[in-house]
């Protein structure tokens, strides 16, 4: 059976848990990470699984995969879910480019405001938080424009693997408190509700955990 290393409040672990729900894939999960709340990531035992010491990691019958988006690609490909991740290079690239953007620019946009306003980490001052909020809103604006062009989902008219990382980041955007009015992104609001129709998103995305 698939084994997942990582605690269930981690946004990156939740990507994998959501996909497992979409695939109806059974798994066992162990709590690791969580800033000292669970088993530590800097031990030789964990570093043997992932040399960079981050969650999630999966063990699929001896096949070890780390990095959340790589895990998503692996599981979709292994289960033959070409609706989620097509074999055609052009169609696949249209999905993977959004996954990679989420892991880089989109993720980096919310880091300071999320850590400062939600996690209450004092390392992030007001100026850093304000700049991060501006960047986060701009990134969600990109998502809103893409959804308006594409007919409902981030890579087209149907749900794909790209909607898992993007959908979780959208939930994080709604979870960050803002003094000023949250931008009125109507396509994002409709997308948020559309994803909520999926049991995996209700369980691991829009589930009260930011």
Protein backbone atom coordinates (compact mmCIF):
# COMPACT_ATOMS: atom_id res chain seq x y z
CA UNK A 1 0.00 0.00 0.00
CA UNK A 2 1.12 3.54 -0.72
CA UNK A 3 2.76 5.22 2.27
CA UNK A 4 2.73 8.99 2.72
CA UNK A 5 5.14 10.76 5.05
CA UNK A 6 3.91 14.15 6.28
CA UNK A 7 1.34 15.75 8.57
CA UNK A 8 -2.11 16.50 7.12
CA UNK A 9 -2.09 20.28 7.72
CA UNK A 10 0.82 20.84 5.35
CA UNK A 11 -0.41 22.41 2.11
CA UNK A 12 1.99 20.24 0.12
CA UNK A 13 0.90 17.04 1.86
CA UNK A 14 -2.71 18.04 1.20
CA UNK A 15 -1.97 18.09 -2.54
CA UNK A 16 -1.14 14.40 -2.36
CA UNK A 17 -4.07 13.55 -0.10
CA UNK A 18 -6.49 15.34 -2.43
CA UNK A 19 -5.16 13.46 -5.44
CA UNK A 20 -5.45 10.15 -3.61
CA UNK A 21 -9.11 11.01 -3.01
CA UNK A 22 -9.58 11.75 -6.72
CA UNK A 23 -7.93 8.44 -7.60
CA UNK A 24 -9.72 6.52 -4.82
CA UNK A 25 -6.25 5.33 -3.92
CA UNK A 26 -5.77 3.75 -0.47
CA UNK A 27 -2.76 4.82 1.58
CA UNK A 28 -1.22 4.86 5.02
CA UNK A 29 0.12 8.14 6.36
CA UNK A 30 2.67 8.95 9.07
CA UNK A 31 2.94 12.32 10.81
CA UNK A 32 6.27 14.01 10.11
CA UNK A 33 7.31 17.66 10.23
CA UNK A 34 5.08 20.42 11.50
CA UNK A 35 7.74 22.61 13.12
CA UNK A 36 8.46 20.14 15.91
CA UNK A 37 4.92 18.90 16.49
CA UNK A 38 5.62 15.55 14.85
CA UNK A 39 8.62 13.41 14.01
CA UNK A 40 11.59 15.56 12.97
CA UNK A 41 12.76 15.90 9.39
CA UNK A 42 16.47 16.32 10.15
CA UNK A 43 17.09 12.73 11.25
CA UNK A 44 19.16 10.19 9.29
CA UNK A 45 16.01 8.07 8.96
CA UNK A 46 14.08 10.79 7.16
CA UNK A 47 17.05 12.13 5.18
CA UNK A 48 17.47 8.63 3.75
CA UNK A 49 14.03 9.12 2.22
CA UNK A 50 14.45 12.75 1.17
CA UNK A 51 17.93 14.29 1.19
CA UNK A 52 16.50 17.84 1.28
CA UNK A 53 14.48 17.05 4.41
CA UNK A 54 11.01 18.21 3.40
CA UNK A 55 7.51 16.71 3.28
CA UNK A 56 5.71 15.08 1.59
CA UNK A 57 7.48 11.88 0.62
CA UNK A 58 5.80 8.74 -0.69
CA UNK A 59 6.92 5.13 -0.66
CA UNK A 60 5.09 3.24 -3.37
CA UNK A 61 6.25 -0.34 -2.96
CA UNK A 62 9.86 0.76 -2.66
CA UNK A 63 9.64 3.62 -5.17
CA UNK A 64 10.47 6.77 -3.19
CA UNK A 65 9.28 10.11 -4.57
CA UNK A 66 9.56 13.53 -2.95
CA UNK A 67 8.47 17.05 -3.98
CA UNK A 68 4.70 17.40 -3.97
CA UNK A 69 4.15 18.22 -7.64
CA UNK A 70 6.48 15.40 -8.71
CA UNK A 71 4.40 13.05 -6.56
CA UNK A 72 1.21 14.27 -8.26
CA UNK A 73 2.70 13.61 -11.70
CA UNK A 74 3.94 10.18 -10.65
CA UNK A 75 0.61 9.03 -9.23
CA UNK A 76 -1.44 10.34 -12.14
CA UNK A 77 0.88 8.71 -14.67
CA UNK A 78 1.07 5.43 -12.80
CA UNK A 79 -2.71 5.12 -12.57
CA UNK A 80 -3.21 6.05 -16.22
CA UNK A 81 -5.25 9.16 -15.45
CA UNK A 82 -4.61 10.91 -18.73
CA UNK A 83 -7.61 13.14 -18.09
CA UNK A 84 -5.58 14.66 -15.26
CA UNK A 85 -2.17 14.58 -16.96
CA UNK A 86 -2.26 13.83 -20.71
CA UNK A 87 0.41 11.83 -22.51
CA UNK A 88 0.43 14.33 -25.39
CA UNK A 89 3.43 16.65 -24.82
CA UNK A 90 1.62 19.87 -25.72
CA UNK A 91 -1.42 19.16 -23.57
CA UNK A 92 0.79 17.98 -20.72
CA UNK A 93 2.93 21.13 -20.89
CA UNK A 94 -0.20 23.26 -20.64
CA UNK A 95 -0.90 21.65 -17.27
CA UNK A 96 2.65 21.39 -15.94
CA UNK A 97 3.44 25.05 -16.58
CA UNK A 98 0.76 26.06 -14.07
CA UNK A 99 1.98 23.49 -11.56
CA UNK A 100 5.53 24.82 -11.83
CA UNK A 101 4.37 28.44 -11.57
CA UNK A 102 2.46 27.57 -8.41
CA UNK A 103 5.55 25.99 -6.87
CA UNK A 104 7.69 29.03 -7.64
CA UNK A 105 6.23 32.52 -8.16
CA UNK A 106 2.75 31.88 -6.75
CA UNK A 107 4.08 30.19 -3.59
CA UNK A 108 6.66 32.90 -3.02
CA UNK A 109 4.04 35.65 -3.32
CA UNK A 110 2.14 34.62 -0.19
CA UNK A 111 4.99 33.50 2.03
CA UNK A 112 5.47 36.67 4.11
CA UNK A 113 1.80 37.57 4.52
CA UNK A 114 0.78 34.03 5.40
CA UNK A 115 3.62 33.50 7.86
CA UNK A 116 3.10 36.94 9.42
CA UNK A 117 -0.70 37.13 9.57
CA UNK A 118 -1.74 33.48 9.93
CA UNK A 119 1.24 31.76 11.55
CA UNK A 120 2.08 34.92 13.57
CA UNK A 121 5.79 34.57 12.87
CA UNK A 122 7.47 37.75 14.19
CA UNK A 123 10.27 37.50 11.62
CA UNK A 124 8.00 39.16 9.04
CA UNK A 125 7.48 42.89 9.58
CA UNK A 126 4.63 45.09 8.37
CA UNK A 127 6.45 46.22 5.23
CA UNK A 128 7.22 42.67 4.15
CA UNK A 129 3.64 41.61 4.84
CA UNK A 130 2.20 44.53 2.85
CA UNK A 131 4.46 43.79 -0.12
CA UNK A 132 3.54 40.12 0.05
CA UNK A 133 -0.19 40.88 0.11
CA UNK A 134 0.21 43.02 -2.99
CA UNK A 135 2.11 40.25 -4.77
CA UNK A 136 -0.38 37.59 -3.65
CA UNK A 137 -3.35 39.60 -4.91
CA UNK A 138 -1.58 40.15 -8.22
CA UNK A 139 -0.88 36.43 -8.59
CA UNK A 140 -4.51 35.55 -7.86
CA UNK A 141 -5.44 38.16 -10.45
CA UNK A 142 -3.44 36.14 -12.99
CA UNK A 143 -5.44 33.05 -11.99
CA UNK A 144 -8.69 34.99 -12.32
CA UNK A 145 -7.83 36.15 -15.84
CA UNK A 146 -6.81 32.62 -16.87
CA UNK A 147 -10.04 31.15 -15.52
CA UNK A 148 -12.03 33.76 -17.43
CA UNK A 149 -10.31 32.77 -20.66
CA UNK A 150 -10.41 29.04 -20.09
CA UNK A 151 -13.96 28.12 -19.25
CA UNK A 152 -13.78 27.14 -15.64
CA UNK A 153 -10.49 25.41 -14.78
CA UNK A 154 -6.90 26.56 -14.82
CA UNK A 155 -5.74 24.56 -17.85
CA UNK A 156 -9.02 24.39 -19.79
CA UNK A 157 -12.65 23.43 -19.50
CA UNK A 158 -12.13 20.37 -17.32
CA UNK A 159 -10.41 19.51 -14.04
CA UNK A 160 -6.74 18.50 -14.35
CA UNK A 161 -3.75 17.93 -12.12
CA UNK A 162 -2.94 21.66 -12.26
CA UNK A 163 -6.10 22.48 -10.32
CA UNK A 164 -4.80 20.72 -7.22
CA UNK A 165 -1.88 23.07 -6.43
CA UNK A 166 -3.70 26.11 -7.80
CA UNK A 167 -6.89 25.27 -5.91
CA UNK A 168 -5.05 24.91 -2.61
CA UNK A 169 -3.27 28.23 -3.15
CA UNK A 170 -6.64 29.89 -3.86
CA UNK A 171 -7.94 28.54 -0.54
CA UNK A 172 -4.88 29.98 1.17
CA UNK A 173 -5.67 33.36 -0.41
CA UNK A 174 -9.16 33.29 1.10
CA UNK A 175 -7.63 32.30 4.45
CA UNK A 176 -5.25 35.27 4.76
CA UNK A 177 -6.86 38.24 6.59
CA UNK A 178 -6.77 41.54 4.71
CA UNK A 179 -7.37 45.00 6.16
CA UNK A 180 -8.34 46.38 2.77
CA UNK A 181 -11.12 44.86 0.71
CA UNK A 182 -10.19 41.59 -0.93
CA UNK A 183 -10.09 42.07 -4.71
CA UNK A 184 -13.33 41.07 -6.40
CA UNK A 185 -12.15 38.22 -8.59
CA UNK A 186 -15.42 36.73 -9.79
CA UNK A 187 -13.85 33.91 -11.80
CA UNK A 188 -11.79 32.83 -8.78
CA UNK A 189 -14.89 32.92 -6.55
CA UNK A 190 -16.80 30.68 -8.97
CA UNK A 191 -13.78 28.38 -9.26
CA UNK A 192 -13.53 28.12 -5.48
CA UNK A 193 -17.15 27.02 -5.29
CA UNK A 194 -16.74 24.67 -8.26
CA UNK A 195 -13.83 22.90 -6.59
CA UNK A 196 -15.87 22.60 -3.41
CA UNK A 197 -18.17 20.18 -5.24
CA UNK A 198 -15.29 17.68 -5.21
CA UNK A 199 -15.10 15.53 -2.04
CA UNK A 200 -11.29 15.56 -2.11
CA UNK A 201 -11.22 19.36 -2.01
CA UNK A 202 -13.71 19.52 0.83
CA UNK A 203 -11.61 17.04 2.81
CA UNK A 204 -8.13 18.41 2.08
CA UNK A 205 -8.57 21.89 0.60
CA UNK A 206 -11.51 23.96 1.72
CA UNK A 207 -11.54 22.24 5.08
CA UNK A 208 -10.85 25.02 7.54
CA UNK A 209 -7.06 24.58 7.41
CA UNK A 210 -5.39 27.60 5.75
